[in-house]
């Protein structure tokens, strides 16, 4: 003989089974099956399986009104069936019937004797949608007075989310709580939720709590949450590992973070969506090579992604692989200003000077067309000026350097560059001298600026004034022997009849000249063979 509970369960299963049969029988409508499912639910209102068969199809088809019609009679007779009440309230929310949804949950909380933390969470969300902020405060205060709820992850997590959201509101809506107070309460509840992480039921709550802890920079708790998720909750998977690596890295535990990243990168079936995060974390560790590996694995999944190719090109240039940077950038059908700029750097590094110049011009014109005014900074103008100077486009080089100087009138690098270029090409030497003097005043021991000053004196045939300045430049360049400064020293010494010292500096300059500066080396050899006037005016590149 079955007792009452068993009898109800038996009847419910009978209706449920018949509903399944009708649902699959040709010629029957879904309403026939739903009627049986509803009878089953009225007998077992806490059954998740029965609930899923009613809710699933209607939710998928967004038939919220029909779902409400099915559930309301059952919910009315079973106020303490928490899941049933939450599903009904969600359907009411979707139908924009917020007051009714709040009322359903309020009654359910009372009917369950404040024992179900999930109802508190759902009611706080419902109140938030209705902009009932004072009601949320009252709800949370009451919940935390209940011993059964005080130690529940769900309630602390809901409170942390609430105070986080409250911080984003305008002052007039924040019910007299300051942003700092909201932050303090958010930290209190997020930390407590982290301590109760073993109660977590939904993967989304792990990710949500982690985001809150990261925003608060509560790295110890973020590590604990994600370490638990990685070791104990299989359904959190890769996202939890990435969050753990991020928290460890932020907490100065870079070695352990790197080990997790290496494990993820070694996984050949790692979802493509995780690769950008892996790459970014490697970049934060200044591990450019592994960041490149991650982005290269992503490339086949996003062949037309301009940002991805631009980032890869930047990394290739960082590891001195300009050929790869050229290939990845040339594959972009329509480059933005940054793409053209990077391609110019890549061409320049591969000695394709004319292409580098044209790419820089395209970068500038693209930025103008796209109204990217922030693109034009001192770095771009000085780089472009350098390209122009190398290509003997001197007027354009001076123009670009002038634009850099206009942005930062006291920048010694700009002052020195424009002054040196003008001096080296015998243009407005008095003006060039003033620029360089300002650079030297800013950094009196900078060997490059001293060299420029000596050289403008040399161009002005003020050889006696140039001598102590160039010797000072040589003295400051002892740790970094610069062939240009040594060559200039030789020229200036020769003009001051210090022939032996001149030859010594030229020989040192020849030793310091790199293999790719064959033209400079040949000019120095000619001066060593004959240090006379015929060798004046040899090409000199600007120092920086």
Foldseek 3Di string as FASTA:
>chain_A
DDDPLVVLQVQLVVLQVVLVVQVPDPPHDNVVSLVSLLSSCLSVVQDPVSVCVLLVVCVVVVVLVVSLVSLVVSCVVCLQNVVSLLSNLVSCVSVVNLVVSLVSLVSNCVVNVVQDLVSLLSNLVSCVVVLVLVVNVVSLVVSCVDPNRVQDLSSLLSLLVSLVVLLPDPPVSNVPDHNVNSLVSNVVSLLSSLVVLVRDDDLVSLVSSLVSCVVVLVLVSNLSSLVCCVPPPVVNPPVSLLSNLVSCVSVVNNVVSVVSLVVLLPPPVRDLVCLCSSLVSCVVVVNLVVSLSSLVVNCVVCVQDQVSLLVNLVSCVVVPNLVSNLVSLVSHPDHALSSLQSNLVSCVSVVVLVSSLVSLVVSVVRCVVVVVVVVLELVSLQVNLQSCVVVVVLVSSLVSLVSNCVRPVQPLVSLLSNLQSCQLVVHPLVSSLVSLVSSCVVPVQALLSLLSNLSSCVSVVVLVVSQVSLVSSCVSCVVPDALLSLQSNLLSCVSVVVNVSSLVSLVVSLVPDDPVPVQVNVLSVVCNVPVDPVSPSRDGRRDD
